[in-house]
Amino acid sequence: MTDTSAGHAGPVDRFDRASTILAAYPDITDDELLELKRWFAKASALEVASIASTDALTPNYLRFKAEHLEKFTLKDWLFVIATILVICGSIAALGILAPG
């Protein structure tokens, strides 16, 4: 396992930190995995594209993305169900209130 721990503060430092952790993926600690997930949750599209297009990181990024970023969570499913219920309720209300 690679020791990639260090304290960083600025956006460039956080980008470099994420790149370093991703370079070691999947041989990273649980804390590093959590740090990487948090970084991707807050990263701009440009930052993600920069990491994804770095040749040395692309294979690890694609694996990380498939294993951690593209999964539907319980929160995602609840949002989908709630949206469907709102749509169905709206359709039913229109049917009931529509003049016949």
PDB file of N, CA and C in Angstrom:
ATOM      1  N   MET A   1       0.837  -1.170   0.000  1.00  0.00           N
ATOM      2  CA  MET A   1       0.000   0.000   0.000  1.00  0.00           C
ATOM      3  C   MET A   1       0.884   1.236   0.000  1.00  0.00           C
ATOM      4  N   THR A   2       0.445   2.280  -0.621  1.00  0.00           N
ATOM      5  CA  THR A   2       1.207   3.505  -0.737  1.00  0.00           C
ATOM      6  C   THR A   2       0.771   4.490   0.327  1.00  0.00           C
ATOM      7  N   ASP A   3       1.730   5.124   0.984  1.00  0.00           N
ATOM      8  CA  ASP A   3       1.388   6.150   1.964  1.00  0.00           C
ATOM      9  C   ASP A   3       1.281   7.472   1.232  1.00  0.00           C
ATOM     10  N   THR A   4       0.053   7.957   1.117  1.00  0.00           N
ATOM     11  CA  THR A   4      -0.175   9.207   0.396  1.00  0.00           C
ATOM     12  C   THR A   4      -0.722  10.280   1.317  1.00  0.00           C
ATOM     13  N   SER A   5      -0.548  10.122   2.618  1.00  0.00           N
ATOM     14  CA  SER A   5      -1.136  11.078   3.550  1.00  0.00           C
ATOM     15  C   SER A   5      -0.260  12.312   3.683  1.00  0.00           C
ATOM     16  N   ALA A   6      -0.907  13.455   3.638  1.00  0.00           N
ATOM     17  CA  ALA A   6      -0.250  14.743   3.836  1.00  0.00           C
ATOM     18  C   ALA A   6      -1.336  15.787   3.986  1.00  0.00           C
ATOM     19  N   GLY A   7      -1.059  16.845   4.722  1.00  0.00           N
ATOM     20  CA  GLY A   7      -2.052  17.899   4.899  1.00  0.00           C
ATOM     21  C   GLY A   7      -1.929  18.938   3.808  1.00  0.00           C
ATOM     22  N   HIS A   8      -3.008  19.207   3.099  1.00  0.00           N
ATOM     23  CA  HIS A   8      -3.005  20.187   2.020  1.00  0.00           C
ATOM     24  C   HIS A   8      -4.221  21.087   2.180  1.00  0.00           C
ATOM     25  N   ALA A   9      -4.119  22.293   1.661  1.00  0.00           N
ATOM     26  CA  ALA A   9      -5.223  23.212   1.847  1.00  0.00           C
ATOM     27  C   ALA A   9      -5.775  23.799   0.555  1.00  0.00           C
ATOM     28  N   GLY A  10      -4.924  24.227  -0.359  1.00  0.00           N
ATOM     29  CA  GLY A  10      -5.390  24.932  -1.545  1.00  0.00           C
ATOM     30  C   GLY A  10      -5.960  24.015  -2.608  1.00  0.00           C
ATOM     31  N   PRO A  11      -6.695  24.607  -3.571  1.00  0.00           N
ATOM     32  CA  PRO A  11      -7.304  23.813  -4.640  1.00  0.00           C
ATOM     33  C   PRO A  11      -6.283  23.015  -5.456  1.00  0.00           C
ATOM     34  N   VAL A  12      -5.133  23.606  -5.735  1.00  0.00           N
ATOM     35  CA  VAL A  12      -4.104  22.897  -6.499  1.00  0.00           C
ATOM     36  C   VAL A  12      -3.566  21.743  -5.668  1.00  0.00           C
ATOM     37  N   ASP A  13      -3.366  21.982  -4.374  1.00  0.00           N
ATOM     38  CA  ASP A  13      -2.882  20.929  -3.489  1.00  0.00           C
ATOM     39  C   ASP A  13      -3.900  19.794  -3.395  1.00  0.00           C
ATOM     40  N   ARG A  14      -5.198  20.129  -3.327  1.00  0.00           N
ATOM     41  CA  ARG A  14      -6.232  19.088  -3.249  1.00  0.00           C
ATOM     42  C   ARG A  14      -6.286  18.298  -4.557  1.00  0.00           C
ATOM     43  N   PHE A  15      -6.103  18.976  -5.677  1.00  0.00           N
ATOM     44  CA  PHE A  15      -6.059  18.294  -6.967  1.00  0.00           C
ATOM     45  C   PHE A  15      -4.875  17.337  -7.011  1.00  0.00           C
ATOM     46  N   ASP A  16      -3.712  17.818  -6.590  1.00  0.00           N
ATOM     47  CA  ASP A  16      -2.516  16.972  -6.568  1.00  0.00           C
ATOM     48  C   ASP A  16      -2.696  15.791  -5.621  1.00  0.00           C
ATOM     49  N   ARG A  17      -3.333  16.044  -4.489  1.00  0.00           N
ATOM     50  CA  ARG A  17      -3.589  14.978  -3.512  1.00  0.00           C
ATOM     51  C   ARG A  17      -4.516  13.919  -4.125  1.00  0.00           C
ATOM     52  N   ALA A  18      -5.587  14.353  -4.778  1.00  0.00           N
ATOM     53  CA  ALA A  18      -6.513  13.413  -5.414  1.00  0.00           C
ATOM     54  C   ALA A  18      -5.796  12.621  -6.503  1.00  0.00           C
ATOM     55  N   SER A  19      -4.951  13.275  -7.267  1.00  0.00           N
ATOM     56  CA  SER A  19      -4.188  12.592  -8.317  1.00  0.00           C
ATOM     57  C   SER A  19      -3.257  11.540  -7.727  1.00  0.00           C
ATOM     58  N   THR A  20      -2.623  11.884  -6.619  1.00  0.00           N
ATOM     59  CA  THR A  20      -1.698  10.959  -5.968  1.00  0.00           C
ATOM     60  C   THR A  20      -2.440   9.730  -5.440  1.00  0.00           C
ATOM     61  N   ILE A  21      -3.572   9.961  -4.795  1.00  0.00           N
ATOM     62  CA  ILE A  21      -4.362   8.838  -4.274  1.00  0.00           C
ATOM     63  C   ILE A  21      -4.869   7.981  -5.432  1.00  0.00           C
ATOM     64  N   LEU A  22      -5.385   8.633  -6.462  1.00  0.00           N
ATOM     65  CA  LEU A  22      -5.923   7.902  -7.608  1.00  0.00           C
ATOM     66  C   LEU A  22      -4.836   7.078  -8.302  1.00  0.00           C
ATOM     67  N   ALA A  23      -3.613   7.577  -8.321  1.00  0.00           N
ATOM     68  CA  ALA A  23      -2.505   6.837  -8.933  1.00  0.00           C
ATOM     69  C   ALA A  23      -2.247   5.531  -8.188  1.00  0.00           C
ATOM     70  N   ALA A  24      -2.541   5.503  -6.888  1.00  0.00           N
ATOM     71  CA  ALA A  24      -2.319   4.300  -6.083  1.00  0.00           C
ATOM     72  C   ALA A  24      -3.551   3.398  -6.031  1.00  0.00           C
ATOM     73  N   TYR A  25      -4.688   3.881  -6.537  1.00  0.00           N
ATOM     74  CA  TYR A  25      -5.932   3.120  -6.480  1.00  0.00           C
ATOM     75  C   TYR A  25      -5.790   1.818  -7.246  1.00  0.00           C
ATOM     76  N   PRO A  26      -6.242   0.694  -6.763  1.00  0.00           N
ATOM     77  CA  PRO A  26      -7.132   0.454  -5.622  1.00  0.00           C
ATOM     78  C   PRO A  26      -6.404   0.146  -4.324  1.00  0.00           C
ATOM     79  N   ASP A  27      -5.092   0.244  -4.310  1.00  0.00           N
ATOM     80  CA  ASP A  27      -4.319  -0.058  -3.094  1.00  0.00           C
ATOM     81  C   ASP A  27      -4.232   1.163  -2.187  1.00  0.00           C
ATOM     82  N   ILE A  28      -5.389   1.611  -1.709  1.00  0.00           N
ATOM     83  CA  ILE A  28      -5.454   2.777  -0.835  1.00  0.00           C
ATOM     84  C   ILE A  28      -6.223   2.405   0.425  1.00  0.00           C
ATOM     85  N   THR A  29      -6.068   3.228   1.454  1.00  0.00           N
ATOM     86  CA  THR A  29      -6.757   2.990   2.724  1.00  0.00           C
ATOM     87  C   THR A  29      -8.205   3.432   2.616  1.00  0.00           C
ATOM     88  N   ASP A  30      -9.002   3.038   3.599  1.00  0.00           N
ATOM     89  CA  ASP A  30     -10.401   3.463   3.641  1.00  0.00           C
ATOM     90  C   ASP A  30     -10.509   4.981   3.771  1.00  0.00           C
ATOM     91  N   ASP A  31      -9.604   5.583   4.536  1.00  0.00           N
ATOM     92  CA  ASP A  31      -9.612   7.043   4.681  1.00  0.00           C
ATOM     93  C   ASP A  31      -9.292   7.730   3.361  1.00  0.00           C
ATOM     94  N   GLU A  32      -8.360   7.178   2.619  1.00  0.00           N
ATOM     95  CA  GLU A  32      -8.016   7.743   1.316  1.00  0.00           C
ATOM     96  C   GLU A  32      -9.178   7.578   0.335  1.00  0.00           C
ATOM     97  N   LEU A  33      -9.872   6.449   0.405  1.00  0.00           N
ATOM     98  CA  LEU A  33     -11.045   6.236  -0.443  1.00  0.00           C
ATOM     99  C   LEU A  33     -12.110   7.278  -0.136  1.00  0.00           C
ATOM    100  N   LEU A  34     -12.357   7.511   1.124  1.00  0.00           N
ATOM    101  CA  LEU A  34     -13.335   8.527   1.525  1.00  0.00           C
ATOM    102  C   LEU A  34     -12.899   9.913   1.059  1.00  0.00           C
ATOM    103  N   GLU A  35     -11.622  10.204   1.200  1.00  0.00           N
ATOM    104  CA  GLU A  35     -11.088  11.494   0.748  1.00  0.00           C
ATOM    105  C   GLU A  35     -11.276  11.663  -0.762  1.00  0.00           C
ATOM    106  N   LEU A  36     -11.024  10.605  -1.516  1.00  0.00           N
ATOM    107  CA  LEU A  36     -11.181  10.646  -2.965  1.00  0.00           C
ATOM    108  C   LEU A  36     -12.645  10.839  -3.342  1.00  0.00           C
ATOM    109  N   LYS A  37     -13.550  10.141  -2.670  1.00  0.00           N
ATOM    110  CA  LYS A  37     -14.983  10.308  -2.936  1.00  0.00           C
ATOM    111  C   LYS A  37     -15.422  11.738  -2.648  1.00  0.00           C
ATOM    112  N   ARG A  38     -14.942  12.300  -1.555  1.00  0.00           N
ATOM    113  CA  ARG A  38     -15.299  13.691  -1.213  1.00  0.00           C
ATOM    114  C   ARG A  38     -14.739  14.665  -2.246  1.00  0.00           C
ATOM    115  N   TRP A  39     -13.515  14.397  -2.704  1.00  0.00           N
ATOM    116  CA  TRP A  39     -12.918  15.291  -3.696  1.00  0.00           C
ATOM    117  C   TRP A  39     -13.752  15.279  -4.975  1.00  0.00           C
ATOM    118  N   PHE A  40     -14.135  14.091  -5.446  1.00  0.00           N
ATOM    119  CA  PHE A  40     -14.930  14.006  -6.668  1.00  0.00           C
ATOM    120  C   PHE A  40     -16.303  14.642  -6.488  1.00  0.00           C
ATOM    121  N   ALA A  41     -16.862  14.584  -5.294  1.00  0.00           N
ATOM    122  CA  ALA A  41     -18.166  15.199  -5.047  1.00  0.00           C
ATOM    123  C   ALA A  41     -18.090  16.723  -5.139  1.00  0.00           C
ATOM    124  N   LYS A  42     -16.941  17.298  -4.819  1.00  0.00           N
ATOM    125  CA  LYS A  42     -16.784  18.753  -4.815  1.00  0.00           C
ATOM    126  C   LYS A  42     -16.033  19.287  -6.035  1.00  0.00           C
ATOM    127  N   ALA A  43     -15.414  18.411  -6.802  1.00  0.00           N
ATOM    128  CA  ALA A  43     -14.561  18.840  -7.913  1.00  0.00           C
ATOM    129  C   ALA A  43     -15.384  19.456  -9.039  1.00  0.00           C
ATOM    130  N   SER A  44     -14.770  20.400  -9.717  1.00  0.00           N
ATOM    131  CA  SER A  44     -15.402  20.996 -10.889  1.00  0.00           C
ATOM    132  C   SER A  44     -15.294  20.032 -12.067  1.00  0.00           C
ATOM    133  N   ALA A  45     -16.079  20.286 -13.087  1.00  0.00           N
ATOM    134  CA  ALA A  45     -16.020  19.462 -14.293  1.00  0.00           C
ATOM    135  C   ALA A  45     -14.629  19.528 -14.926  1.00  0.00           C
ATOM    136  N   LEU A  46     -13.992  20.676 -14.873  1.00  0.00           N
ATOM    137  CA  LEU A  46     -12.648  20.827 -15.427  1.00  0.00           C
ATOM    138  C   LEU A  46     -11.636  19.983 -14.655  1.00  0.00           C
ATOM    139  N   GLU A  47     -11.758  19.961 -13.323  1.00  0.00           N
ATOM    140  CA  GLU A  47     -10.842  19.155 -12.515  1.00  0.00           C
ATOM    141  C   GLU A  47     -11.015  17.666 -12.808  1.00  0.00           C
ATOM    142  N   VAL A  48     -12.266  17.223 -12.896  1.00  0.00           N
ATOM    143  CA  VAL A  48     -12.529  15.816 -13.200  1.00  0.00           C
ATOM    144  C   VAL A  48     -12.002  15.472 -14.591  1.00  0.00           C
ATOM    145  N   ALA A  49     -12.249  16.347 -15.551  1.00  0.00           N
ATOM    146  CA  ALA A  49     -11.762  16.110 -16.912  1.00  0.00           C
ATOM    147  C   ALA A  49     -10.235  16.077 -16.953  1.00  0.00           C
ATOM    148  N   SER A  50      -9.598  16.917 -16.164  1.00  0.00           N
ATOM    149  CA  SER A  50      -8.135  16.935 -16.121  1.00  0.00           C
ATOM    150  C   SER A  50      -7.583  15.618 -15.600  1.00  0.00           C
ATOM    151  N   ILE A  51      -8.216  15.090 -14.570  1.00  0.00           N
ATOM    152  CA  ILE A  51      -7.773  13.795 -14.028  1.00  0.00           C
ATOM    153  C   ILE A  51      -8.089  12.681 -15.012  1.00  0.00           C
ATOM    154  N   ALA A  52      -9.299  12.692 -15.551  1.00  0.00           N
ATOM    155  CA  ALA A  52      -9.728  11.619 -16.460  1.00  0.00           C
ATOM    156  C   ALA A  52      -8.880  11.566 -17.722  1.00  0.00           C
ATOM    157  N   SER A  53      -8.368  12.705 -18.152  1.00  0.00           N
ATOM    158  CA  SER A  53      -7.604  12.738 -19.400  1.00  0.00           C
ATOM    159  C   SER A  53      -6.106  12.574 -19.199  1.00  0.00           C
ATOM    160  N   THR A  54      -5.670  12.401 -17.955  1.00  0.00           N
ATOM    161  CA  THR A  54      -4.254  12.149 -17.689  1.00  0.00           C
ATOM    162  C   THR A  54      -3.977  10.677 -17.976  1.00  0.00           C
ATOM    163  N   ASP A  55      -3.155  10.423 -18.968  1.00  0.00           N
ATOM    164  CA  ASP A  55      -2.916   9.045 -19.426  1.00  0.00           C
ATOM    165  C   ASP A  55      -2.558   8.090 -18.293  1.00  0.00           C
ATOM    166  N   ALA A  56      -1.710   8.529 -17.375  1.00  0.00           N
ATOM    167  CA  ALA A  56      -1.267   7.653 -16.292  1.00  0.00           C
ATOM    168  C   ALA A  56      -2.399   7.336 -15.308  1.00  0.00           C
ATOM    169  N   LEU A  57      -3.402   8.217 -15.234  1.00  0.00           N
ATOM    170  CA  LEU A  57      -4.490   8.035 -14.268  1.00  0.00           C
ATOM    171  C   LEU A  57      -5.756   7.453 -14.882  1.00  0.00           C
ATOM    172  N   THR A  58      -5.879   7.473 -16.193  1.00  0.00           N
ATOM    173  CA  THR A  58      -7.122   7.061 -16.850  1.00  0.00           C
ATOM    174  C   THR A  58      -7.599   5.668 -16.442  1.00  0.00           C
ATOM    175  N   PRO A  59      -6.749   4.638 -16.452  1.00  0.00           N
ATOM    176  CA  PRO A  59      -7.254   3.308 -16.062  1.00  0.00           C
ATOM    177  C   PRO A  59      -7.779   3.271 -14.615  1.00  0.00           C
ATOM    178  N   ASN A  60      -7.042   3.911 -13.703  1.00  0.00           N
ATOM    179  CA  ASN A  60      -7.476   3.937 -12.304  1.00  0.00           C
ATOM    180  C   ASN A  60      -8.739   4.773 -12.135  1.00  0.00           C
ATOM    181  N   TYR A  61      -8.822   5.879 -12.877  1.00  0.00           N
ATOM    182  CA  TYR A  61     -10.027   6.709 -12.817  1.00  0.00           C
ATOM    183  C   TYR A  61     -11.243   5.933 -13.302  1.00  0.00           C
ATOM    184  N   LEU A  62     -11.109   5.242 -14.419  1.00  0.00           N
ATOM    185  CA  LEU A  62     -12.242   4.476 -14.954  1.00  0.00           C
ATOM    186  C   LEU A  62     -12.685   3.389 -13.984  1.00  0.00           C
ATOM    187  N   ARG A  63     -11.728   2.738 -13.348  1.00  0.00           N
ATOM    188  CA  ARG A  63     -12.077   1.708 -12.365  1.00  0.00           C
ATOM    189  C   ARG A  63     -12.753   2.331 -11.152  1.00  0.00           C
ATOM    190  N   PHE A  64     -12.185   3.427 -10.623  1.00  0.00           N
ATOM    191  CA  PHE A  64     -12.771   4.118  -9.478  1.00  0.00           C
ATOM    192  C   PHE A  64     -14.184   4.593  -9.808  1.00  0.00           C
ATOM    193  N   LYS A  65     -14.345   5.162 -10.985  1.00  0.00           N
ATOM    194  CA  LYS A  65     -15.645   5.665 -11.414  1.00  0.00           C
ATOM    195  C   LYS A  65     -16.677   4.539 -11.462  1.00  0.00           C
ATOM    196  N   ALA A  66     -16.304   3.403 -12.037  1.00  0.00           N
ATOM    197  CA  ALA A  66     -17.230   2.269 -12.139  1.00  0.00           C
ATOM    198  C   ALA A  66     -17.568   1.689 -10.771  1.00  0.00           C
ATOM    199  N   GLU A  67     -16.604   1.678  -9.865  1.00  0.00           N
ATOM    200  CA  GLU A  67     -16.812   1.051  -8.562  1.00  0.00           C
ATOM    201  C   GLU A  67     -17.434   1.967  -7.524  1.00  0.00           C
ATOM    202  N   HIS A  68     -17.301   3.296  -7.695  1.00  0.00           N
ATOM    203  CA  HIS A  68     -17.740   4.190  -6.624  1.00  0.00           C
ATOM    204  C   HIS A  68     -18.590   5.376  -7.056  1.00  0.00           C
ATOM    205  N   LEU A  69     -18.473   5.822  -8.275  1.00  0.00           N
ATOM    206  CA  LEU A  69     -19.176   7.038  -8.667  1.00  0.00           C
ATOM    207  C   LEU A  69     -20.457   6.775  -9.444  1.00  0.00           C
ATOM    208  N   GLU A  70     -20.552   5.647 -10.108  1.00  0.00           N
ATOM    209  CA  GLU A  70     -21.708   5.399 -10.963  1.00  0.00           C
ATOM    210  C   GLU A  70     -22.792   4.553 -10.305  1.00  0.00           C
ATOM    211  N   LYS A  71     -22.656   4.268  -9.063  1.00  0.00           N
ATOM    212  CA  LYS A  71     -23.635   3.426  -8.382  1.00  0.00           C
ATOM    213  C   LYS A  71     -24.799   4.269  -7.877  1.00  0.00           C
ATOM    214  N   PHE A  72     -26.010   3.717  -7.989  1.00  0.00           N
ATOM    215  CA  PHE A  72     -27.176   4.366  -7.418  1.00  0.00           C
ATOM    216  C   PHE A  72     -27.207   4.083  -5.927  1.00  0.00           C
ATOM    217  N   THR A  73     -27.377   5.115  -5.138  1.00  0.00           N
ATOM    218  CA  THR A  73     -27.474   4.958  -3.695  1.00  0.00           C
ATOM    219  C   THR A  73     -28.942   4.915  -3.294  1.00  0.00           C
ATOM    220  N   LEU A  74     -29.205   4.622  -2.041  1.00  0.00           N
ATOM    221  CA  LEU A  74     -30.569   4.631  -1.525  1.00  0.00           C
ATOM    222  C   LEU A  74     -31.192   6.016  -1.717  1.00  0.00           C
ATOM    223  N   LYS A  75     -30.413   7.044  -1.508  1.00  0.00           N
ATOM    224  CA  LYS A  75     -30.886   8.423  -1.699  1.00  0.00           C
ATOM    225  C   LYS A  75     -31.316   8.642  -3.157  1.00  0.00           C
ATOM    226  N   ASP A  76     -30.543   8.128  -4.099  1.00  0.00           N
ATOM    227  CA  ASP A  76     -30.889   8.261  -5.516  1.00  0.00           C
ATOM    228  C   ASP A  76     -32.208   7.565  -5.820  1.00  0.00           C
ATOM    229  N   TRP A  77     -32.374   6.333  -5.315  1.00  0.00           N
ATOM    230  CA  TRP A  77     -33.609   5.585  -5.556  1.00  0.00           C
ATOM    231  C   TRP A  77     -34.817   6.269  -4.921  1.00  0.00           C
ATOM    232  N   LEU A  78     -34.646   6.816  -3.720  1.00  0.00           N
ATOM    233  CA  LEU A  78     -35.752   7.525  -3.069  1.00  0.00           C
ATOM    234  C   LEU A  78     -36.155   8.759  -3.875  1.00  0.00           C
ATOM    235  N   PHE A  79     -35.176   9.447  -4.444  1.00  0.00           N
ATOM    236  CA  PHE A  79     -35.473  10.606  -5.280  1.00  0.00           C
ATOM    237  C   PHE A  79     -36.263  10.186  -6.519  1.00  0.00           C
ATOM    238  N   VAL A  80     -35.862   9.088  -7.159  1.00  0.00           N
ATOM    239  CA  VAL A  80     -36.565   8.584  -8.342  1.00  0.00           C
ATOM    240  C   VAL A  80     -37.998   8.206  -7.993  1.00  0.00           C
ATOM    241  N   ILE A  81     -38.168   7.489  -6.888  1.00  0.00           N
ATOM    242  CA  ILE A  81     -39.515   7.074  -6.468  1.00  0.00           C
ATOM    243  C   ILE A  81     -40.377   8.281  -6.150  1.00  0.00           C
ATOM    244  N   ALA A  82     -39.823   9.255  -5.427  1.00  0.00           N
ATOM    245  CA  ALA A  82     -40.581  10.461  -5.089  1.00  0.00           C
ATOM    246  C   ALA A  82     -40.990  11.221  -6.349  1.00  0.00           C
ATOM    247  N   THR A  83     -40.096  11.313  -7.307  1.00  0.00           N
ATOM    248  CA  THR A  83     -40.402  11.999  -8.561  1.00  0.00           C
ATOM    249  C   THR A  83     -41.528  11.296  -9.313  1.00  0.00           C
ATOM    250  N   ILE A  84     -41.462   9.982  -9.368  1.00  0.00           N
ATOM    251  CA  ILE A  84     -42.516   9.217 -10.041  1.00  0.00           C
ATOM    252  C   ILE A  84     -43.856   9.411  -9.337  1.00  0.00           C
ATOM    253  N   LEU A  85     -43.840   9.405  -8.009  1.00  0.00           N
ATOM    254  CA  LEU A  85     -45.085   9.610  -7.259  1.00  0.00           C
ATOM    255  C   LEU A  85     -45.667  11.002  -7.507  1.00  0.00           C
ATOM    256  N   VAL A  86     -44.825  11.995  -7.576  1.00  0.00           N
ATOM    257  CA  VAL A  86     -45.301  13.361  -7.847  1.00  0.00           C
ATOM    258  C   VAL A  86     -45.907  13.434  -9.246  1.00  0.00           C
ATOM    259  N   ILE A  87     -45.251  12.834 -10.215  1.00  0.00           N
ATOM    260  CA  ILE A  87     -45.778  12.843 -11.586  1.00  0.00           C
ATOM    261  C   ILE A  87     -47.111  12.109 -11.654  1.00  0.00           C
ATOM    262  N   CYS A  88     -47.169  10.918 -11.051  1.00  0.00           N
ATOM    263  CA  CYS A  88     -48.426  10.147 -11.063  1.00  0.00           C
ATOM    264  C   CYS A  88     -49.534  10.888 -10.319  1.00  0.00           C
ATOM    265  N   GLY A  89     -49.183  11.507  -9.208  1.00  0.00           N
ATOM    266  CA  GLY A  89     -50.172  12.291  -8.456  1.00  0.00           C
ATOM    267  C   GLY A  89     -50.679  13.470  -9.260  1.00  0.00           C
ATOM    268  N   SER A  90     -49.799  14.128  -9.977  1.00  0.00           N
ATOM    269  CA  SER A  90     -50.197  15.267 -10.812  1.00  0.00           C
ATOM    270  C   SER A  90     -51.124  14.815 -11.934  1.00  0.00           C
ATOM    271  N   ILE A  91     -50.808  13.697 -12.552  1.00  0.00           N
ATOM    272  CA  ILE A  91     -51.654  13.165 -13.626  1.00  0.00           C
ATOM    273  C   ILE A  91     -53.018  12.787 -13.075  1.00  0.00           C
ATOM    274  N   ALA A  92     -53.031  12.132 -11.911  1.00  0.00           N
ATOM    275  CA  ALA A  92     -54.310  11.746 -11.293  1.00  0.00           C
ATOM    276  C   ALA A  92     -55.122  12.974 -10.909  1.00  0.00           C
ATOM    277  N   ALA A  93     -54.472  13.998 -10.379  1.00  0.00           N
ATOM    278  CA  ALA A  93     -55.195  15.209  -9.998  1.00  0.00           C
ATOM    279  C   ALA A  93     -55.767  15.907 -11.223  1.00  0.00           C
ATOM    280  N   LEU A  94     -55.038  15.920 -12.311  1.00  0.00           N
ATOM    281  CA  LEU A  94     -55.546  16.523 -13.529  1.00  0.00           C
ATOM    282  C   LEU A  94     -56.756  15.745 -14.051  1.00  0.00           C
ATOM    283  N   GLY A  95     -56.703  14.436 -13.915  1.00  0.00           N
ATOM    284  CA  GLY A  95     -57.819  13.604 -14.367  1.00  0.00           C
ATOM    285  C   GLY A  95     -59.069  13.817 -13.523  1.00  0.00           C
ATOM    286  N   ILE A  96     -58.885  13.997 -12.245  1.00  0.00           N
ATOM    287  CA  ILE A  96     -60.012  14.198 -11.335  1.00  0.00           C
ATOM    288  C   ILE A  96     -60.587  15.590 -11.486  1.00  0.00           C
ATOM    289  N   LEU A  97     -59.739  16.587 -11.667  1.00  0.00           N
ATOM    290  CA  LEU A  97     -60.185  17.972 -11.719  1.00  0.00           C
ATOM    291  C   LEU A  97     -60.579  18.430 -13.116  1.00  0.00           C
ATOM    292  N   ALA A  98     -60.221  17.669 -14.120  1.00  0.00           N
ATOM    293  CA  ALA A  98     -60.532  18.068 -15.486  1.00  0.00           C
ATOM    294  C   ALA A  98     -62.050  18.015 -15.707  1.00  0.00           C
ATOM    295  N   PRO A  99     -62.577  19.039 -16.365  1.00  0.00           N
ATOM    296  CA  PRO A  99     -64.015  19.041 -16.635  1.00  0.00           C
ATOM    297  C   PRO A  99     -64.343  17.916 -17.632  1.00  0.00           C
ATOM    298  N   GLY A 100     -65.404  17.235 -17.392  1.00  0.00           N
ATOM    299  CA  GLY A 100     -65.737  16.088 -18.203  1.00  0.00           C
ATOM    300  C   GLY A 100     -66.839  16.292 -19.077  1.00  0.00           C
TER     301      GLY A 100
END
